[in-house]
Amino acid sequence: SGRIFSLLRMGWFRQAPGKEREFVATINGGRG
């Protein structure tokens, strides 16, 4: 939600049981 969504970089992370959250993928703001 929010009107600023299109401006924001977004990322996906994952966390397995007992492990640290790790980076998976990211996409830049704007055009993506």
PDB file of all heavy atoms in Angstrom:
ATOM      1  N   SER A   1       0.832  -1.189   0.000  1.00  0.00           N
ATOM      2  CA  SER A   1       0.000   0.000   0.000  1.00  0.00           C
ATOM      3  C   SER A   1       0.871   1.246   0.000  1.00  0.00           C
ATOM      4  O   SER A   1       2.048   1.200   0.365  1.00  0.00           O
ATOM      5  CB  SER A   1      -0.926   0.007   1.216  1.00  0.00           C
ATOM      6  OG  SER A   1      -0.178   0.103   2.423  1.00  0.00           O
ATOM      7  N   GLY A   2       0.286   2.334  -0.410  1.00  0.00           N
ATOM      8  CA  GLY A   2       1.012   3.589  -0.410  1.00  0.00           C
ATOM      9  C   GLY A   2       1.303   4.108  -1.806  1.00  0.00           C
ATOM     10  O   GLY A   2       1.631   3.332  -2.710  1.00  0.00           O
ATOM     11  N   ARG A   3       1.222   5.395  -1.947  1.00  0.00           N
ATOM     12  CA  ARG A   3       1.454   6.006  -3.250  1.00  0.00           C
ATOM     13  C   ARG A   3       2.913   6.030  -3.653  1.00  0.00           C
ATOM     14  O   ARG A   3       3.223   6.282  -4.819  1.00  0.00           O
ATOM     15  CB  ARG A   3       0.900   7.435  -3.251  1.00  0.00           C
ATOM     16  CG  ARG A   3      -0.609   7.512  -3.093  1.00  0.00           C
ATOM     17  CD  ARG A   3      -1.097   8.941  -3.136  1.00  0.00           C
ATOM     18  NE  ARG A   3      -2.551   9.029  -3.054  1.00  0.00           N
ATOM     19  CZ  ARG A   3      -3.232  10.149  -3.066  1.00  0.00           C
ATOM     20  NH1 ARG A   3      -2.593  11.314  -3.136  1.00  0.00           N
ATOM     21  NH2 ARG A   3      -4.551  10.128  -2.984  1.00  0.00           N
ATOM     22  N   ILE A   4       3.792   5.788  -2.714  1.00  0.00           N
ATOM     23  CA  ILE A   4       5.214   5.819  -3.017  1.00  0.00           C
ATOM     24  C   ILE A   4       5.744   4.474  -3.483  1.00  0.00           C
ATOM     25  O   ILE A   4       6.940   4.338  -3.742  1.00  0.00           O
ATOM     26  CB  ILE A   4       6.046   6.285  -1.804  1.00  0.00           C
ATOM     27  CG1 ILE A   4       5.921   5.286  -0.647  1.00  0.00           C
ATOM     28  CG2 ILE A   4       5.620   7.677  -1.370  1.00  0.00           C
ATOM     29  CD1 ILE A   4       6.851   5.581   0.511  1.00  0.00           C
ATOM     30  N   PHE A   5       4.880   3.480  -3.606  1.00  0.00           N
ATOM     31  CA  PHE A   5       5.333   2.140  -3.966  1.00  0.00           C
ATOM     32  C   PHE A   5       6.207   2.140  -5.210  1.00  0.00           C
ATOM     33  O   PHE A   5       7.252   1.486  -5.248  1.00  0.00           O
ATOM     34  CB  PHE A   5       4.144   1.204  -4.180  1.00  0.00           C
ATOM     35  CG  PHE A   5       4.541  -0.114  -4.794  1.00  0.00           C
ATOM     36  CD1 PHE A   5       5.082  -1.117  -4.022  1.00  0.00           C
ATOM     37  CD2 PHE A   5       4.373  -0.333  -6.158  1.00  0.00           C
ATOM     38  CE1 PHE A   5       5.461  -2.325  -4.580  1.00  0.00           C
ATOM     39  CE2 PHE A   5       4.744  -1.535  -6.732  1.00  0.00           C
ATOM     40  CZ  PHE A   5       5.290  -2.534  -5.941  1.00  0.00           C
ATOM     41  N   SER A   6       5.775   2.832  -6.236  1.00  0.00           N
ATOM     42  CA  SER A   6       6.490   2.804  -7.499  1.00  0.00           C
ATOM     43  C   SER A   6       7.901   3.366  -7.395  1.00  0.00           C
ATOM     44  O   SER A   6       8.731   3.104  -8.269  1.00  0.00           O
ATOM     45  CB  SER A   6       5.710   3.561  -8.579  1.00  0.00           C
ATOM     46  OG  SER A   6       5.588   4.937  -8.252  1.00  0.00           O
ATOM     47  N   LEU A   7       8.171   4.113  -6.350  1.00  0.00           N
ATOM     48  CA  LEU A   7       9.479   4.719  -6.168  1.00  0.00           C
ATOM     49  C   LEU A   7      10.448   3.817  -5.408  1.00  0.00           C
ATOM     50  O   LEU A   7      11.649   4.083  -5.380  1.00  0.00           O
ATOM     51  CB  LEU A   7       9.357   6.046  -5.420  1.00  0.00           C
ATOM     52  CG  LEU A   7       8.442   7.111  -6.030  1.00  0.00           C
ATOM     53  CD1 LEU A   7       8.381   8.320  -5.108  1.00  0.00           C
ATOM     54  CD2 LEU A   7       8.920   7.502  -7.409  1.00  0.00           C
ATOM     55  N   LEU A   8       9.934   2.780  -4.797  1.00  0.00           N
ATOM     56  CA  LEU A   8      10.713   1.987  -3.865  1.00  0.00           C
ATOM     57  C   LEU A   8      11.366   0.771  -4.492  1.00  0.00           C
ATOM     58  O   LEU A   8      10.763   0.070  -5.302  1.00  0.00           O
ATOM     59  CB  LEU A   8       9.838   1.529  -2.707  1.00  0.00           C
ATOM     60  CG  LEU A   8       9.159   2.623  -1.884  1.00  0.00           C
ATOM     61  CD1 LEU A   8       8.257   1.993  -0.835  1.00  0.00           C
ATOM     62  CD2 LEU A   8      10.201   3.518  -1.228  1.00  0.00           C
ATOM     63  N   ARG A   9      12.590   0.516  -4.063  1.00  0.00           N
ATOM     64  CA  ARG A   9      13.218  -0.758  -4.374  1.00  0.00           C
ATOM     65  C   ARG A   9      12.544  -1.819  -3.519  1.00  0.00           C
ATOM     66  O   ARG A   9      12.293  -1.604  -2.326  1.00  0.00           O
ATOM     67  CB  ARG A   9      14.716  -0.698  -4.082  1.00  0.00           C
ATOM     68  CG  ARG A   9      15.418  -2.048  -4.135  1.00  0.00           C
ATOM     69  CD  ARG A   9      16.916  -1.908  -3.987  1.00  0.00           C
ATOM     70  NE  ARG A   9      17.514  -1.283  -5.158  1.00  0.00           N
ATOM     71  CZ  ARG A   9      17.848  -1.941  -6.266  1.00  0.00           C
ATOM     72  NH1 ARG A   9      17.655  -3.260  -6.346  1.00  0.00           N
ATOM     73  NH2 ARG A   9      18.375  -1.292  -7.298  1.00  0.00           N
ATOM     74  N   MET A  10      12.289  -2.973  -4.108  1.00  0.00           N
ATOM     75  CA  MET A  10      11.656  -4.074  -3.403  1.00  0.00           C
ATOM     76  C   MET A  10      12.578  -5.288  -3.400  1.00  0.00           C
ATOM     77  O   MET A  10      13.345  -5.500  -4.340  1.00  0.00           O
ATOM     78  CB  MET A  10      10.328  -4.447  -4.056  1.00  0.00           C
ATOM     79  CG  MET A  10       9.335  -3.298  -4.182  1.00  0.00           C
ATOM     80  SD  MET A  10       8.773  -2.682  -2.562  1.00  0.00           S
ATOM     81  CE  MET A  10       7.870  -4.121  -1.955  1.00  0.00           C
ATOM     82  N   GLY A  11      12.456  -6.067  -2.349  1.00  0.00           N
ATOM     83  CA  GLY A  11      13.294  -7.248  -2.246  1.00  0.00           C
ATOM     84  C   GLY A  11      12.547  -8.441  -1.685  1.00  0.00           C
ATOM     85  O   GLY A  11      11.547  -8.292  -0.988  1.00  0.00           O
ATOM     86  N   TRP A  12      13.039  -9.605  -2.030  1.00  0.00           N
ATOM     87  CA  TRP A  12      12.544 -10.851  -1.461  1.00  0.00           C
ATOM     88  C   TRP A  12      13.650 -11.501  -0.645  1.00  0.00           C
ATOM     89  O   TRP A  12      14.806 -11.567  -1.088  1.00  0.00           O
ATOM     90  CB  TRP A  12      12.090 -11.824  -2.547  1.00  0.00           C
ATOM     91  CG  TRP A  12      10.770 -11.496  -3.169  1.00  0.00           C
ATOM     92  CD1 TRP A  12      10.543 -10.851  -4.345  1.00  0.00           C
ATOM     93  CD2 TRP A  12       9.476 -11.825  -2.639  1.00  0.00           C
ATOM     94  NE1 TRP A  12       9.206 -10.750  -4.592  1.00  0.00           N
ATOM     95  CE2 TRP A  12       8.520 -11.337  -3.567  1.00  0.00           C
ATOM     96  CE3 TRP A  12       9.037 -12.478  -1.493  1.00  0.00           C
ATOM     97  CZ2 TRP A  12       7.147 -11.488  -3.363  1.00  0.00           C
ATOM     98  CZ3 TRP A  12       7.671 -12.627  -1.292  1.00  0.00           C
ATOM     99  CH2 TRP A  12       6.753 -12.137  -2.221  1.00  0.00           C
ATOM    100  N   PHE A  13      13.296 -11.960   0.528  1.00  0.00           N
ATOM    101  CA  PHE A  13      14.196 -12.668   1.414  1.00  0.00           C
ATOM    102  C   PHE A  13      13.526 -13.957   1.853  1.00  0.00           C
ATOM    103  O   PHE A  13      12.312 -14.104   1.753  1.00  0.00           O
ATOM    104  CB  PHE A  13      14.545 -11.820   2.638  1.00  0.00           C
ATOM    105  CG  PHE A  13      15.334 -10.579   2.326  1.00  0.00           C
ATOM    106  CD1 PHE A  13      14.724  -9.459   1.786  1.00  0.00           C
ATOM    107  CD2 PHE A  13      16.699 -10.526   2.568  1.00  0.00           C
ATOM    108  CE1 PHE A  13      15.443  -8.314   1.492  1.00  0.00           C
ATOM    109  CE2 PHE A  13      17.435  -9.384   2.285  1.00  0.00           C
ATOM    110  CZ  PHE A  13      16.809  -8.285   1.748  1.00  0.00           C
ATOM    111  N   ARG A  14      14.318 -14.883   2.356  1.00  0.00           N
ATOM    112  CA  ARG A  14      13.740 -16.118   2.873  1.00  0.00           C
ATOM    113  C   ARG A  14      14.479 -16.534   4.135  1.00  0.00           C
ATOM    114  O   ARG A  14      15.646 -16.221   4.326  1.00  0.00           O
ATOM    115  CB  ARG A  14      13.782 -17.239   1.825  1.00  0.00           C
ATOM    116  CG  ARG A  14      15.179 -17.701   1.443  1.00  0.00           C
ATOM    117  CD  ARG A  14      15.126 -18.654   0.268  1.00  0.00           C
ATOM    118  NE  ARG A  14      16.448 -19.086  -0.140  1.00  0.00           N
ATOM    119  CZ  ARG A  14      16.704 -19.754  -1.261  1.00  0.00           C
ATOM    120  NH1 ARG A  14      15.710 -20.074  -2.089  1.00  0.00           N
ATOM    121  NH2 ARG A  14      17.950 -20.105  -1.553  1.00  0.00           N
ATOM    122  N   GLN A  15      13.772 -17.263   4.974  1.00  0.00           N
ATOM    123  CA  GLN A  15      14.338 -17.703   6.234  1.00  0.00           C
ATOM    124  C   GLN A  15      13.891 -19.129   6.520  1.00  0.00           C
ATOM    125  O   GLN A  15      12.708 -19.389   6.711  1.00  0.00           O
ATOM    126  CB  GLN A  15      13.923 -16.774   7.371  1.00  0.00           C
ATOM    127  CG  GLN A  15      14.607 -17.066   8.690  1.00  0.00           C
ATOM    128  CD  GLN A  15      14.412 -15.943   9.699  1.00  0.00           C
ATOM    129  OE1 GLN A  15      13.490 -15.136   9.574  1.00  0.00           O
ATOM    130  NE2 GLN A  15      15.283 -15.880  10.684  1.00  0.00           N
ATOM    131  N   ALA A  16      14.848 -20.022   6.539  1.00  0.00           N
ATOM    132  CA  ALA A  16      14.588 -21.412   6.884  1.00  0.00           C
ATOM    133  C   ALA A  16      14.619 -21.563   8.398  1.00  0.00           C
ATOM    134  O   ALA A  16      15.232 -20.754   9.101  1.00  0.00           O
ATOM    135  CB  ALA A  16      15.628 -22.321   6.235  1.00  0.00           C
ATOM    136  N   PRO A  17      13.976 -22.591   8.923  1.00  0.00           N
ATOM    137  CA  PRO A  17      13.958 -22.795  10.373  1.00  0.00           C
ATOM    138  C   PRO A  17      15.361 -22.856  10.969  1.00  0.00           C
ATOM    139  O   PRO A  17      16.216 -23.599  10.489  1.00  0.00           O
ATOM    140  CB  PRO A  17      13.239 -24.136  10.528  1.00  0.00           C
ATOM    141  CG  PRO A  17      12.360 -24.218   9.327  1.00  0.00           C
ATOM    142  CD  PRO A  17      13.175 -23.599   8.221  1.00  0.00           C
ATOM    143  N   GLY A  18      15.591 -22.053  11.995  1.00  0.00           N
ATOM    144  CA  GLY A  18      16.869 -22.056  12.673  1.00  0.00           C
ATOM    145  C   GLY A  18      17.991 -21.353  11.942  1.00  0.00           C
ATOM    146  O   GLY A  18      19.138 -21.378  12.401  1.00  0.00           O
ATOM    147  N   LYS A  19      17.685 -20.725  10.820  1.00  0.00           N
ATOM    148  CA  LYS A  19      18.704 -20.039  10.040  1.00  0.00           C
ATOM    149  C   LYS A  19      18.398 -18.557   9.920  1.00  0.00           C
ATOM    150  O   LYS A  19      17.292 -18.111  10.189  1.00  0.00           O
ATOM    151  CB  LYS A  19      18.826 -20.668   8.651  1.00  0.00           C
ATOM    152  CG  LYS A  19      19.250 -22.126   8.669  1.00  0.00           C
ATOM    153  CD  LYS A  19      19.419 -22.667   7.278  1.00  0.00           C
ATOM    154  CE  LYS A  19      19.871 -24.113   7.297  1.00  0.00           C
ATOM    155  NZ  LYS A  19      20.036 -24.653   5.921  1.00  0.00           N
ATOM    156  N   GLU A  20      19.403 -17.806   9.515  1.00  0.00           N
ATOM    157  CA  GLU A  20      19.241 -16.371   9.340  1.00  0.00           C
ATOM    158  C   GLU A  20      18.485 -16.062   8.058  1.00  0.00           C
ATOM    159  O   GLU A  20      18.521 -16.827   7.097  1.00  0.00           O
ATOM    160  CB  GLU A  20      20.599 -15.679   9.327  1.00  0.00           C
ATOM    161  CG  GLU A  20      21.361 -15.767  10.639  1.00  0.00           C
ATOM    162  CD  GLU A  20      22.647 -14.974  10.615  1.00  0.00           C
ATOM    163  OE1 GLU A  20      22.950 -14.363   9.569  1.00  0.00           O
ATOM    164  OE2 GLU A  20      23.345 -14.950  11.633  1.00  0.00           O
ATOM    165  N   ARG A  21      17.827 -14.932   8.067  1.00  0.00           N
ATOM    166  CA  ARG A  21      17.131 -14.484   6.878  1.00  0.00           C
ATOM    167  C   ARG A  21      18.145 -14.101   5.806  1.00  0.00           C
ATOM    168  O   ARG A  21      19.092 -13.364   6.077  1.00  0.00           O
ATOM    169  CB  ARG A  21      16.244 -13.291   7.221  1.00  0.00           C
ATOM    170  CG  ARG A  21      15.260 -12.904   6.140  1.00  0.00           C
ATOM    171  CD  ARG A  21      14.266 -11.871   6.669  1.00  0.00           C
ATOM    172  NE  ARG A  21      13.535 -12.376   7.818  1.00  0.00           N
ATOM    173  CZ  ARG A  21      12.579 -11.696   8.454  1.00  0.00           C
ATOM    174  NH1 ARG A  21      12.238 -10.485   8.033  1.00  0.00           N
ATOM    175  NH2 ARG A  21      11.974 -12.225   9.512  1.00  0.00           N
ATOM    176  N   GLU A  22      17.940 -14.608   4.602  1.00  0.00           N
ATOM    177  CA  GLU A  22      18.887 -14.367   3.540  1.00  0.00           C
ATOM    178  C   GLU A  22      18.247 -13.695   2.336  1.00  0.00           C
ATOM    179  O   GLU A  22      17.067 -13.886   2.040  1.00  0.00           O
ATOM    180  CB  GLU A  22      19.560 -15.676   3.093  1.00  0.00           C
ATOM    181  CG  GLU A  22      18.640 -16.652   2.394  1.00  0.00           C
ATOM    182  CD  GLU A  22      19.362 -17.865   1.832  1.00  0.00           C
ATOM    183  OE1 GLU A  22      20.611 -17.854   1.776  1.00  0.00           O
ATOM    184  OE2 GLU A  22      18.682 -18.834   1.442  1.00  0.00           O
ATOM    185  N   PHE A  23      19.042 -12.943   1.642  1.00  0.00           N
ATOM    186  CA  PHE A  23      18.619 -12.261   0.437  1.00  0.00           C
ATOM    187  C   PHE A  23      18.336 -13.254  -0.677  1.00  0.00           C
ATOM    188  O   PHE A  23      19.062 -14.235  -0.842  1.00  0.00           O
ATOM    189  CB  PHE A  23      19.710 -11.290  -0.006  1.00  0.00           C
ATOM    190  CG  PHE A  23      19.542 -10.778  -1.401  1.00  0.00           C
ATOM    191  CD1 PHE A  23      18.648  -9.761  -1.682  1.00  0.00           C
ATOM    192  CD2 PHE A  23      20.279 -11.318  -2.437  1.00  0.00           C
ATOM    193  CE1 PHE A  23      18.495  -9.284  -2.971  1.00  0.00           C
ATOM    194  CE2 PHE A  23      20.140 -10.849  -3.731  1.00  0.00           C
ATOM    195  CZ  PHE A  23      19.237  -9.829  -3.993  1.00  0.00           C
ATOM    196  N   VAL A  24      17.288 -12.975  -1.451  1.00  0.00           N
ATOM    197  CA  VAL A  24      16.940 -13.819  -2.585  1.00  0.00           C
ATOM    198  C   VAL A  24      16.971 -13.035  -3.889  1.00  0.00           C
ATOM    199  O   VAL A  24      17.613 -13.436  -4.857  1.00  0.00           O
ATOM    200  CB  VAL A  24      15.556 -14.467  -2.409  1.00  0.00           C
ATOM    201  CG1 VAL A  24      15.173 -15.254  -3.657  1.00  0.00           C
ATOM    202  CG2 VAL A  24      15.551 -15.374  -1.193  1.00  0.00           C
ATOM    203  N   ALA A  25      16.265 -11.915  -3.925  1.00  0.00           N
ATOM    204  CA  ALA A  25      16.174 -11.135  -5.155  1.00  0.00           C
ATOM    205  C   ALA A  25      15.755  -9.713  -4.845  1.00  0.00           C
ATOM    206  O   ALA A  25      15.120  -9.446  -3.827  1.00  0.00           O
ATOM    207  CB  ALA A  25      15.173 -11.773  -6.124  1.00  0.00           C
ATOM    208  N   THR A  26      16.084  -8.806  -5.744  1.00  0.00           N
ATOM    209  CA  THR A  26      15.667  -7.422  -5.581  1.00  0.00           C
ATOM    210  C   THR A  26      15.417  -6.786  -6.936  1.00  0.00           C
ATOM    211  O   THR A  26      15.984  -7.216  -7.952  1.00  0.00           O
ATOM    212  CB  THR A  26      16.712  -6.605  -4.792  1.00  0.00           C
ATOM    213  OG1 THR A  26      16.216  -5.290  -4.526  1.00  0.00           O
ATOM    214  CG2 THR A  26      18.023  -6.499  -5.568  1.00  0.00           C
ATOM    215  N   ILE A  27      14.578  -5.780  -6.938  1.00  0.00           N
ATOM    216  CA  ILE A  27      14.242  -5.059  -8.156  1.00  0.00           C
ATOM    217  C   ILE A  27      14.210  -3.572  -7.834  1.00  0.00           C
ATOM    218  O   ILE A  27      13.720  -3.161  -6.781  1.00  0.00           O
ATOM    219  CB  ILE A  27      12.894  -5.546  -8.733  1.00  0.00           C
ATOM    220  CG1 ILE A  27      12.616  -4.914 -10.099  1.00  0.00           C
ATOM    221  CG2 ILE A  27      11.743  -5.266  -7.762  1.00  0.00           C
ATOM    222  CD1 ILE A  27      11.462  -5.590 -10.834  1.00  0.00           C
ATOM    223  N   ASN A  28      14.733  -2.777  -8.717  1.00  0.00           N
ATOM    224  CA  ASN A  28      14.807  -1.348  -8.470  1.00  0.00           C
ATOM    225  C   ASN A  28      13.441  -0.687  -8.567  1.00  0.00           C
ATOM    226  O   ASN A  28      12.487  -1.241  -9.114  1.00  0.00           O
ATOM    227  CB  ASN A  28      15.778  -0.675  -9.450  1.00  0.00           C
ATOM    228  CG  ASN A  28      15.310  -0.750 -10.897  1.00  0.00           C
ATOM    229  OD1 ASN A  28      14.837  -1.776 -11.353  1.00  0.00           O
ATOM    230  ND2 ASN A  28      15.468   0.356 -11.621  1.00  0.00           N
ATOM    231  N   GLY A  29      13.356   0.520  -8.023  1.00  0.00           N
ATOM    232  CA  GLY A  29      12.133   1.291  -8.123  1.00  0.00           C
ATOM    233  C   GLY A  29      11.950   1.832  -9.517  1.00  0.00           C
ATOM    234  O   GLY A  29      12.828   1.742 -10.372  1.00  0.00           O
ATOM    235  N   GLY A  30      10.774   2.401  -9.758  1.00  0.00           N
ATOM    236  CA  GLY A  30      10.484   2.934 -11.074  1.00  0.00           C
ATOM    237  C   GLY A  30      10.148   1.847 -12.070  1.00  0.00           C
ATOM    238  O   GLY A  30       9.243   1.039 -11.853  1.00  0.00           O
ATOM    239  N   ARG A  31      10.898   1.813 -13.142  1.00  0.00           N
ATOM    240  CA  ARG A  31      10.620   0.872 -14.223  1.00  0.00           C
ATOM    241  C   ARG A  31      10.817  -0.595 -13.839  1.00  0.00           C
ATOM    242  O   ARG A  31      10.253  -1.476 -14.486  1.00  0.00           O
ATOM    243  CB  ARG A  31      11.496   1.185 -15.427  1.00  0.00           C
ATOM    244  CG  ARG A  31      11.237   2.541 -16.062  1.00  0.00           C
ATOM    245  CD  ARG A  31      12.146   2.748 -17.258  1.00  0.00           C
ATOM    246  NE  ARG A  31      11.921   4.031 -17.909  1.00  0.00           N
ATOM    247  CZ  ARG A  31      12.578   4.462 -18.968  1.00  0.00           C
ATOM    248  NH1 ARG A  31      13.529   3.705 -19.507  1.00  0.00           N
ATOM    249  NH2 ARG A  31      12.310   5.648 -19.490  1.00  0.00           N
ATOM    250  N   GLY A  32      11.610  -0.844 -12.826  1.00  0.00           N
ATOM    251  CA  GLY A  32      11.910  -2.221 -12.473  1.00  0.00           C
ATOM    252  C   GLY A  32      12.750  -2.895 -13.531  1.00  0.00           C
ATOM    253  O   GLY A  32      12.597  -4.094 -13.801  1.00  0.00           O
TER     254      GLY A  32
END
